[in-house]
């Protein structure tokens, strides 16, 4: 089924849903940080986004991740720290 030229309607799989959920959580985290006064300038927002992108890049290269029991919330910092601990053993 088509909607507009070059577009189609489809049912996303679980992987795609998880990716969208991750993007949503990142957007909500950023929104809350701004609303709670933790980020006050565009420069601070940019720095936070760069830090998160760096962490995500590191995590994507790892074989094991640390998350909540339901696997809905990936802990980037703990995942990186866990990998660093294992590499020093």
PDB file of N, CA and C in Angstrom:
ATOM      1  N   UNK A   1       0.841  -1.169   0.000  1.00  0.00           N
ATOM      2  CA  UNK A   1       0.000   0.000   0.000  1.00  0.00           C
ATOM      3  C   UNK A   1       0.892   1.240   0.000  1.00  0.00           C
ATOM      4  N   UNK A   2       0.558   2.210  -0.806  1.00  0.00           N
ATOM      5  CA  UNK A   2       1.322   3.451  -0.896  1.00  0.00           C
ATOM      6  C   UNK A   2       0.565   4.603  -0.262  1.00  0.00           C
ATOM      7  N   UNK A   3       1.302   5.565   0.245  1.00  0.00           N
ATOM      8  CA  UNK A   3       0.688   6.792   0.750  1.00  0.00           C
ATOM      9  C   UNK A   3       1.065   7.947  -0.156  1.00  0.00           C
ATOM     10  N   UNK A   4       2.330   8.219  -0.290  1.00  0.00           N
ATOM     11  CA  UNK A   4       2.844   9.249  -1.183  1.00  0.00           C
ATOM     12  C   UNK A   4       3.895   8.596  -2.057  1.00  0.00           C
ATOM     13  N   UNK A   5       4.264   9.297  -3.104  1.00  0.00           N
ATOM     14  CA  UNK A   5       5.290   8.749  -3.993  1.00  0.00           C
ATOM     15  C   UNK A   5       6.555   8.452  -3.197  1.00  0.00           C
ATOM     16  N   UNK A   6       7.091   7.244  -3.340  1.00  0.00           N
ATOM     17  CA  UNK A   6       8.313   6.852  -2.647  1.00  0.00           C
ATOM     18  C   UNK A   6       8.095   6.414  -1.210  1.00  0.00           C
ATOM     19  N   UNK A   7       6.862   6.307  -0.780  1.00  0.00           N
ATOM     20  CA  UNK A   7       6.564   5.897   0.600  1.00  0.00           C
ATOM     21  C   UNK A   7       5.671   4.669   0.584  1.00  0.00           C
ATOM     22  N   UNK A   8       5.739   3.872   1.657  1.00  0.00           N
ATOM     23  CA  UNK A   8       4.857   2.715   1.762  1.00  0.00           C
ATOM     24  C   UNK A   8       4.453   2.514   3.212  1.00  0.00           C
ATOM     25  N   UNK A   9       3.382   1.825   3.416  1.00  0.00           N
ATOM     26  CA  UNK A   9       2.893   1.480   4.743  1.00  0.00           C
ATOM     27  C   UNK A   9       3.332   0.053   5.028  1.00  0.00           C
ATOM     28  N   UNK A  10       3.889  -0.191   6.218  1.00  0.00           N
ATOM     29  CA  UNK A  10       4.305  -1.546   6.579  1.00  0.00           C
ATOM     30  C   UNK A  10       4.184  -1.728   8.080  1.00  0.00           C
ATOM     31  N   UNK A  11       4.242  -2.952   8.509  1.00  0.00           N
ATOM     32  CA  UNK A  11       4.196  -3.283   9.929  1.00  0.00           C
ATOM     33  C   UNK A  11       5.627  -3.452  10.425  1.00  0.00           C
ATOM     34  N   UNK A  12       6.047  -2.635  11.383  1.00  0.00           N
ATOM     35  CA  UNK A  12       7.419  -2.746  11.880  1.00  0.00           C
ATOM     36  C   UNK A  12       7.620  -4.030  12.680  1.00  0.00           C
ATOM     37  N   UNK A  13       8.848  -4.563  12.617  1.00  0.00           N
ATOM     38  CA  UNK A  13       9.156  -5.745  13.420  1.00  0.00           C
ATOM     39  C   UNK A  13       9.628  -5.301  14.808  1.00  0.00           C
ATOM     40  N   UNK A  14       9.893  -6.266  15.658  1.00  0.00           N
ATOM     41  CA  UNK A  14      10.282  -5.948  17.042  1.00  0.00           C
ATOM     42  C   UNK A  14      11.577  -5.141  17.111  1.00  0.00           C
ATOM     43  N   UNK A  15      12.524  -5.436  16.240  1.00  0.00           N
ATOM     44  CA  UNK A  15      13.785  -4.693  16.221  1.00  0.00           C
ATOM     45  C   UNK A  15      13.533  -3.222  15.931  1.00  0.00           C
ATOM     46  N   UNK A  16      12.703  -2.954  14.955  1.00  0.00           N
ATOM     47  CA  UNK A  16      12.386  -1.571  14.606  1.00  0.00           C
ATOM     48  C   UNK A  16      11.647  -0.868  15.749  1.00  0.00           C
ATOM     49  N   UNK A  17      10.757  -1.590  16.414  1.00  0.00           N
ATOM     50  CA  UNK A  17      10.039  -1.009  17.550  1.00  0.00           C
ATOM     51  C   UNK A  17      11.000  -0.680  18.688  1.00  0.00           C
ATOM     52  N   UNK A  18      11.948  -1.564  18.945  1.00  0.00           N
ATOM     53  CA  UNK A  18      12.931  -1.315  20.002  1.00  0.00           C
ATOM     54  C   UNK A  18      13.799  -0.110  19.655  1.00  0.00           C
ATOM     55  N   UNK A  19      14.177   0.016  18.383  1.00  0.00           N
ATOM     56  CA  UNK A  19      14.973   1.163  17.963  1.00  0.00           C
ATOM     57  C   UNK A  19      14.204   2.464  18.178  1.00  0.00           C
ATOM     58  N   UNK A  20      12.945   2.475  17.815  1.00  0.00           N
ATOM     59  CA  UNK A  20      12.122   3.674  18.004  1.00  0.00           C
ATOM     60  C   UNK A  20      11.945   3.970  19.489  1.00  0.00           C
ATOM     61  N   UNK A  21      11.777   2.924  20.302  1.00  0.00           N
ATOM     62  CA  UNK A  21      11.644   3.127  21.745  1.00  0.00           C
ATOM     63  C   UNK A  21      12.921   3.760  22.297  1.00  0.00           C
ATOM     64  N   UNK A  22      14.064   3.296  21.849  1.00  0.00           N
ATOM     65  CA  UNK A  22      15.328   3.873  22.294  1.00  0.00           C
ATOM     66  C   UNK A  22      15.454   5.335  21.931  1.00  0.00           C
ATOM     67  N   UNK A  23      15.055   5.667  20.725  1.00  0.00           N
ATOM     68  CA  UNK A  23      15.089   7.074  20.301  1.00  0.00           C
ATOM     69  C   UNK A  23      14.131   7.909  21.134  1.00  0.00           C
ATOM     70  N   UNK A  24      12.962   7.349  21.450  1.00  0.00           N
ATOM     71  CA  UNK A  24      11.997   8.067  22.264  1.00  0.00           C
ATOM     72  C   UNK A  24      12.558   8.313  23.666  1.00  0.00           C
ATOM     73  N   UNK A  25      13.160   7.278  24.261  1.00  0.00           N
ATOM     74  CA  UNK A  25      13.735   7.434  25.591  1.00  0.00           C
ATOM     75  C   UNK A  25      14.829   8.501  25.592  1.00  0.00           C
ATOM     76  N   UNK A  26      15.640   8.521  24.554  1.00  0.00           N
ATOM     77  CA  UNK A  26      16.684   9.534  24.469  1.00  0.00           C
ATOM     78  C   UNK A  26      16.077  10.934  24.385  1.00  0.00           C
ATOM     79  N   UNK A  27      15.030  11.078  23.593  1.00  0.00           N
ATOM     80  CA  UNK A  27      14.369  12.375  23.472  1.00  0.00           C
ATOM     81  C   UNK A  27      13.740  12.798  24.798  1.00  0.00           C
ATOM     82  N   UNK A  28      13.120  11.843  25.495  1.00  0.00           N
ATOM     83  CA  UNK A  28      12.503  12.153  26.786  1.00  0.00           C
ATOM     84  C   UNK A  28      13.575  12.522  27.816  1.00  0.00           C
ATOM     85  N   UNK A  29      14.694  11.808  27.829  1.00  0.00           N
ATOM     86  CA  UNK A  29      15.792  12.138  28.740  1.00  0.00           C
ATOM     87  C   UNK A  29      16.271  13.568  28.509  1.00  0.00           C
ATOM     88  N   UNK A  30      16.424  13.930  27.252  1.00  0.00           N
ATOM     89  CA  UNK A  30      16.866  15.277  26.908  1.00  0.00           C
ATOM     90  C   UNK A  30      15.827  16.306  27.333  1.00  0.00           C
ATOM     91  N   UNK A  31      14.571  16.016  27.066  1.00  0.00           N
ATOM     92  CA  UNK A  31      13.491  16.917  27.460  1.00  0.00           C
ATOM     93  C   UNK A  31      13.482  17.139  28.969  1.00  0.00           C
ATOM     94  N   UNK A  32      13.575  16.048  29.739  1.00  0.00           N
ATOM     95  CA  UNK A  32      13.564  16.161  31.200  1.00  0.00           C
ATOM     96  C   UNK A  32      14.775  16.929  31.725  1.00  0.00           C
ATOM     97  N   UNK A  33      15.931  16.708  31.117  1.00  0.00           N
ATOM     98  CA  UNK A  33      17.137  17.428  31.541  1.00  0.00           C
ATOM     99  C   UNK A  33      16.971  18.935  31.324  1.00  0.00           C
ATOM    100  N   UNK A  34      16.338  19.310  30.225  1.00  0.00           N
ATOM    101  CA  UNK A  34      16.100  20.733  29.953  1.00  0.00           C
ATOM    102  C   UNK A  34      15.063  21.279  30.932  1.00  0.00           C
ATOM    103  N   UNK A  35      13.945  20.565  31.090  1.00  0.00           N
ATOM    104  CA  UNK A  35      12.870  21.028  31.972  1.00  0.00           C
ATOM    105  C   UNK A  35      13.314  21.145  33.427  1.00  0.00           C
ATOM    106  N   UNK A  36      14.217  20.269  33.853  1.00  0.00           N
ATOM    107  CA  UNK A  36      14.681  20.288  35.245  1.00  0.00           C
ATOM    108  C   UNK A  36      15.886  21.191  35.463  1.00  0.00           C
ATOM    109  N   UNK A  37      16.291  21.916  34.432  1.00  0.00           N
ATOM    110  CA  UNK A  37      17.373  22.878  34.576  1.00  0.00           C
ATOM    111  C   UNK A  37      18.770  22.296  34.543  1.00  0.00           C
ATOM    112  N   UNK A  38      18.902  21.025  34.140  1.00  0.00           N
ATOM    113  CA  UNK A  38      20.234  20.415  34.068  1.00  0.00           C
ATOM    114  C   UNK A  38      20.989  20.860  32.818  1.00  0.00           C
ATOM    115  N   UNK A  39      20.245  21.256  31.796  1.00  0.00           N
ATOM    116  CA  UNK A  39      20.841  21.768  30.559  1.00  0.00           C
ATOM    117  C   UNK A  39      20.219  23.132  30.289  1.00  0.00           C
ATOM    118  N   UNK A  40      21.068  24.146  30.170  1.00  0.00           N
ATOM    119  CA  UNK A  40      20.559  25.507  30.052  1.00  0.00           C
ATOM    120  C   UNK A  40      20.906  26.203  28.747  1.00  0.00           C
ATOM    121  N   UNK A  41      21.734  25.596  27.937  1.00  0.00           N
ATOM    122  CA  UNK A  41      22.143  26.266  26.698  1.00  0.00           C
ATOM    123  C   UNK A  41      22.241  25.248  25.570  1.00  0.00           C
ATOM    124  N   UNK A  42      22.252  25.763  24.374  1.00  0.00           N
ATOM    125  CA  UNK A  42      22.406  24.894  23.212  1.00  0.00           C
ATOM    126  C   UNK A  42      23.745  24.164  23.288  1.00  0.00           C
ATOM    127  N   UNK A  43      24.767  24.815  23.794  1.00  0.00           N
ATOM    128  CA  UNK A  43      26.087  24.189  23.916  1.00  0.00           C
ATOM    129  C   UNK A  43      26.045  22.994  24.867  1.00  0.00           C
ATOM    130  N   UNK A  44      25.316  23.136  25.988  1.00  0.00           N
ATOM    131  CA  UNK A  44      25.197  22.025  26.932  1.00  0.00           C
ATOM    132  C   UNK A  44      24.412  20.864  26.315  1.00  0.00           C
ATOM    133  N   UNK A  45      23.376  21.179  25.558  1.00  0.00           N
ATOM    134  CA  UNK A  45      22.601  20.145  24.880  1.00  0.00           C
ATOM    135  C   UNK A  45      23.475  19.418  23.865  1.00  0.00           C
ATOM    136  N   UNK A  46      24.233  20.178  23.097  1.00  0.00           N
ATOM    137  CA  UNK A  46      25.128  19.582  22.107  1.00  0.00           C
ATOM    138  C   UNK A  46      26.172  18.694  22.773  1.00  0.00           C
ATOM    139  N   UNK A  47      26.731  19.155  23.879  1.00  0.00           N
ATOM    140  CA  UNK A  47      27.723  18.349  24.605  1.00  0.00           C
ATOM    141  C   UNK A  47      27.102  17.044  25.091  1.00  0.00           C
ATOM    142  N   UNK A  48      25.870  17.099  25.614  1.00  0.00           N
ATOM    143  CA  UNK A  48      25.183  15.890  26.088  1.00  0.00           C
ATOM    144  C   UNK A  48      24.941  14.924  24.933  1.00  0.00           C
ATOM    145  N   UNK A  49      24.496  15.457  23.793  1.00  0.00           N
ATOM    146  CA  UNK A  49      24.249  14.605  22.631  1.00  0.00           C
ATOM    147  C   UNK A  49      25.531  13.953  22.120  1.00  0.00           C
ATOM    148  N   UNK A  50      26.625  14.703  22.114  1.00  0.00           N
ATOM    149  CA  UNK A  50      27.907  14.140  21.673  1.00  0.00           C
ATOM    150  C   UNK A  50      28.370  13.043  22.625  1.00  0.00           C
ATOM    151  N   UNK A  51      28.218  13.269  23.925  1.00  0.00           N
ATOM    152  CA  UNK A  51      28.596  12.266  24.918  1.00  0.00           C
ATOM    153  C   UNK A  51      27.763  10.990  24.731  1.00  0.00           C
ATOM    154  N   UNK A  52      26.457  11.154  24.552  1.00  0.00           N
ATOM    155  CA  UNK A  52      25.594   9.987  24.348  1.00  0.00           C
ATOM    156  C   UNK A  52      25.938   9.252  23.065  1.00  0.00           C
ATOM    157  N   UNK A  53      26.230   9.982  22.005  1.00  0.00           N
ATOM    158  CA  UNK A  53      26.603   9.349  20.738  1.00  0.00           C
ATOM    159  C   UNK A  53      27.896   8.554  20.903  1.00  0.00           C
ATOM    160  N   UNK A  54      28.851   9.111  21.637  1.00  0.00           N
ATOM    161  CA  UNK A  54      30.116   8.411  21.883  1.00  0.00           C
ATOM    162  C   UNK A  54      29.872   7.131  22.678  1.00  0.00           C
ATOM    163  N   UNK A  55      29.048   7.233  23.722  1.00  0.00           N
ATOM    164  CA  UNK A  55      28.738   6.057  24.532  1.00  0.00           C
ATOM    165  C   UNK A  55      28.012   4.993  23.712  1.00  0.00           C
ATOM    166  N   UNK A  56      27.034   5.409  22.922  1.00  0.00           N
ATOM    167  CA  UNK A  56      26.307   4.454  22.093  1.00  0.00           C
ATOM    168  C   UNK A  56      27.232   3.756  21.109  1.00  0.00           C
ATOM    169  N   UNK A  57      28.148   4.501  20.534  1.00  0.00           N
ATOM    170  CA  UNK A  57      29.100   3.922  19.590  1.00  0.00           C
ATOM    171  C   UNK A  57      29.940   2.847  20.268  1.00  0.00           C
ATOM    172  N   UNK A  58      30.398   3.119  21.487  1.00  0.00           N
ATOM    173  CA  UNK A  58      31.186   2.132  22.234  1.00  0.00           C
ATOM    174  C   UNK A  58      30.360   0.890  22.548  1.00  0.00           C
ATOM    175  N   UNK A  59      29.114   1.100  22.991  1.00  0.00           N
ATOM    176  CA  UNK A  59      28.256  -0.015  23.379  1.00  0.00           C
ATOM    177  C   UNK A  59      27.933  -0.905  22.179  1.00  0.00           C
ATOM    178  N   UNK A  60      27.708  -0.308  21.032  1.00  0.00           N
ATOM    179  CA  UNK A  60      27.371  -1.090  19.842  1.00  0.00           C
ATOM    180  C   UNK A  60      28.498  -2.031  19.419  1.00  0.00           C
ATOM    181  N   UNK A  61      29.708  -1.757  19.848  1.00  0.00           N
ATOM    182  CA  UNK A  61      30.854  -2.599  19.512  1.00  0.00           C
ATOM    183  C   UNK A  61      31.058  -3.741  20.512  1.00  0.00           C
ATOM    184  N   UNK A  62      30.278  -3.740  21.591  1.00  0.00           N
ATOM    185  CA  UNK A  62      30.448  -4.743  22.645  1.00  0.00           C
ATOM    186  C   UNK A  62      29.525  -5.933  22.447  1.00  0.00           C
ATOM    187  N   UNK A  63      29.971  -7.098  22.929  1.00  0.00           N
ATOM    188  CA  UNK A  63      29.180  -8.319  22.808  1.00  0.00           C
ATOM    189  C   UNK A  63      28.154  -8.474  23.925  1.00  0.00           C
ATOM    190  N   UNK A  64      28.407  -7.858  25.073  1.00  0.00           N
ATOM    191  CA  UNK A  64      27.473  -7.973  26.196  1.00  0.00           C
ATOM    192  C   UNK A  64      27.080  -6.583  26.674  1.00  0.00           C
ATOM    193  N   UNK A  65      25.819  -6.474  27.073  1.00  0.00           N
ATOM    194  CA  UNK A  65      25.274  -5.198  27.543  1.00  0.00           C
ATOM    195  C   UNK A  65      24.673  -5.374  28.926  1.00  0.00           C
ATOM    196  N   UNK A  66      24.539  -4.267  29.663  1.00  0.00           N
ATOM    197  CA  UNK A  66      23.901  -4.255  30.966  1.00  0.00           C
ATOM    198  C   UNK A  66      22.604  -3.456  30.832  1.00  0.00           C
ATOM    199  N   UNK A  67      21.498  -4.070  31.278  1.00  0.00           N
ATOM    200  CA  UNK A  67      20.206  -3.391  31.185  1.00  0.00           C
ATOM    201  C   UNK A  67      19.349  -3.742  32.390  1.00  0.00           C
ATOM    202  N   UNK A  68      18.169  -3.135  32.436  1.00  0.00           N
ATOM    203  CA  UNK A  68      17.196  -3.514  33.455  1.00  0.00           C
ATOM    204  C   UNK A  68      16.771  -4.955  33.179  1.00  0.00           C
ATOM    205  N   UNK A  69      16.167  -5.597  34.176  1.00  0.00           N
ATOM    206  CA  UNK A  69      15.779  -7.001  34.026  1.00  0.00           C
ATOM    207  C   UNK A  69      14.850  -7.222  32.844  1.00  0.00           C
ATOM    208  N   UNK A  70      13.970  -6.264  32.561  1.00  0.00           N
ATOM    209  CA  UNK A  70      13.027  -6.410  31.451  1.00  0.00           C
ATOM    210  C   UNK A  70      13.641  -6.016  30.102  1.00  0.00           C
ATOM    211  N   UNK A  71      14.916  -5.613  30.125  1.00  0.00           N
ATOM    212  CA  UNK A  71      15.682  -5.240  28.932  1.00  0.00           C
ATOM    213  C   UNK A  71      15.131  -4.005  28.224  1.00  0.00           C
ATOM    214  N   UNK A  72      14.355  -3.207  28.948  1.00  0.00           N
ATOM    215  CA  UNK A  72      13.801  -1.998  28.346  1.00  0.00           C
ATOM    216  C   UNK A  72      14.733  -0.803  28.490  1.00  0.00           C
ATOM    217  N   UNK A  73      15.599  -0.842  29.477  1.00  0.00           N
ATOM    218  CA  UNK A  73      16.468   0.304  29.725  1.00  0.00           C
ATOM    219  C   UNK A  73      17.930  -0.140  29.717  1.00  0.00           C
ATOM    220  N   UNK A  74      18.628   0.183  28.668  1.00  0.00           N
ATOM    221  CA  UNK A  74      20.045  -0.148  28.540  1.00  0.00           C
ATOM    222  C   UNK A  74      20.864   0.867  29.320  1.00  0.00           C
ATOM    223  N   UNK A  75      21.761   0.382  30.162  1.00  0.00           N
ATOM    224  CA  UNK A  75      22.633   1.263  30.935  1.00  0.00           C
ATOM    225  C   UNK A  75      23.955   1.399  30.192  1.00  0.00           C
ATOM    226  N   UNK A  76      24.112   2.506  29.483  1.00  0.00           N
ATOM    227  CA  UNK A  76      25.313   2.724  28.673  1.00  0.00           C
ATOM    228  C   UNK A  76      26.566   2.785  29.540  1.00  0.00           C
ATOM    229  N   UNK A  77      26.511   3.558  30.613  1.00  0.00           N
ATOM    230  CA  UNK A  77      27.690   3.750  31.461  1.00  0.00           C
ATOM    231  C   UNK A  77      28.120   2.440  32.093  1.00  0.00           C
ATOM    232  N   UNK A  78      27.170   1.715  32.664  1.00  0.00           N
ATOM    233  CA  UNK A  78      27.523   0.449  33.316  1.00  0.00           C
ATOM    234  C   UNK A  78      28.009  -0.584  32.300  1.00  0.00           C
ATOM    235  N   UNK A  79      27.448  -0.578  31.111  1.00  0.00           N
ATOM    236  CA  UNK A  79      27.897  -1.493  30.064  1.00  0.00           C
ATOM    237  C   UNK A  79      29.353  -1.222  29.705  1.00  0.00           C
ATOM    238  N   UNK A  80      29.692   0.036  29.533  1.00  0.00           N
ATOM    239  CA  UNK A  80      31.076   0.411  29.198  1.00  0.00           C
ATOM    240  C   UNK A  80      32.018   0.072  30.347  1.00  0.00           C
ATOM    241  N   UNK A  81      31.607   0.376  31.575  1.00  0.00           N
ATOM    242  CA  UNK A  81      32.440   0.080  32.745  1.00  0.00           C
ATOM    243  C   UNK A  81      32.650  -1.419  32.894  1.00  0.00           C
ATOM    244  N   UNK A  82      31.610  -2.199  32.656  1.00  0.00           N
ATOM    245  CA  UNK A  82      31.723  -3.657  32.746  1.00  0.00           C
ATOM    246  C   UNK A  82      32.726  -4.189  31.731  1.00  0.00           C
ATOM    247  N   UNK A  83      32.677  -3.678  30.516  1.00  0.00           N
ATOM    248  CA  UNK A  83      33.614  -4.102  29.461  1.00  0.00           C
ATOM    249  C   UNK A  83      35.033  -3.700  29.815  1.00  0.00           C
ATOM    250  N   UNK A  84      35.195  -2.514  30.377  1.00  0.00           N
ATOM    251  CA  UNK A  84      36.539  -2.054  30.766  1.00  0.00           C
ATOM    252  C   UNK A  84      37.109  -2.925  31.876  1.00  0.00           C
ATOM    253  N   UNK A  85      36.273  -3.305  32.857  1.00  0.00           N
ATOM    254  CA  UNK A  85      36.714  -4.176  33.939  1.00  0.00           C
ATOM    255  C   UNK A  85      37.180  -5.533  33.394  1.00  0.00           C
ATOM    256  N   UNK A  86      36.396  -6.080  32.451  1.00  0.00           N
ATOM    257  CA  UNK A  86      36.735  -7.379  31.888  1.00  0.00           C
ATOM    258  C   UNK A  86      38.008  -7.322  31.048  1.00  0.00           C
ATOM    259  N   UNK A  87      38.272  -6.195  30.420  1.00  0.00           N
ATOM    260  CA  UNK A  87      39.471  -6.087  29.580  1.00  0.00           C
ATOM    261  C   UNK A  87      40.745  -5.931  30.416  1.00  0.00           C
ATOM    262  N   UNK A  88      40.608  -5.537  31.681  1.00  0.00           N
ATOM    263  CA  UNK A  88      41.787  -5.392  32.551  1.00  0.00           C
ATOM    264  C   UNK A  88      42.098  -6.674  33.304  1.00  0.00           C
ATOM    265  N   UNK A  89      41.232  -7.673  33.172  1.00  0.00           N
ATOM    266  CA  UNK A  89      41.466  -8.955  33.861  1.00  0.00           C
ATOM    267  C   UNK A  89      42.439  -9.802  33.108  1.00  0.00           C
TER     268      UNK A  89
END
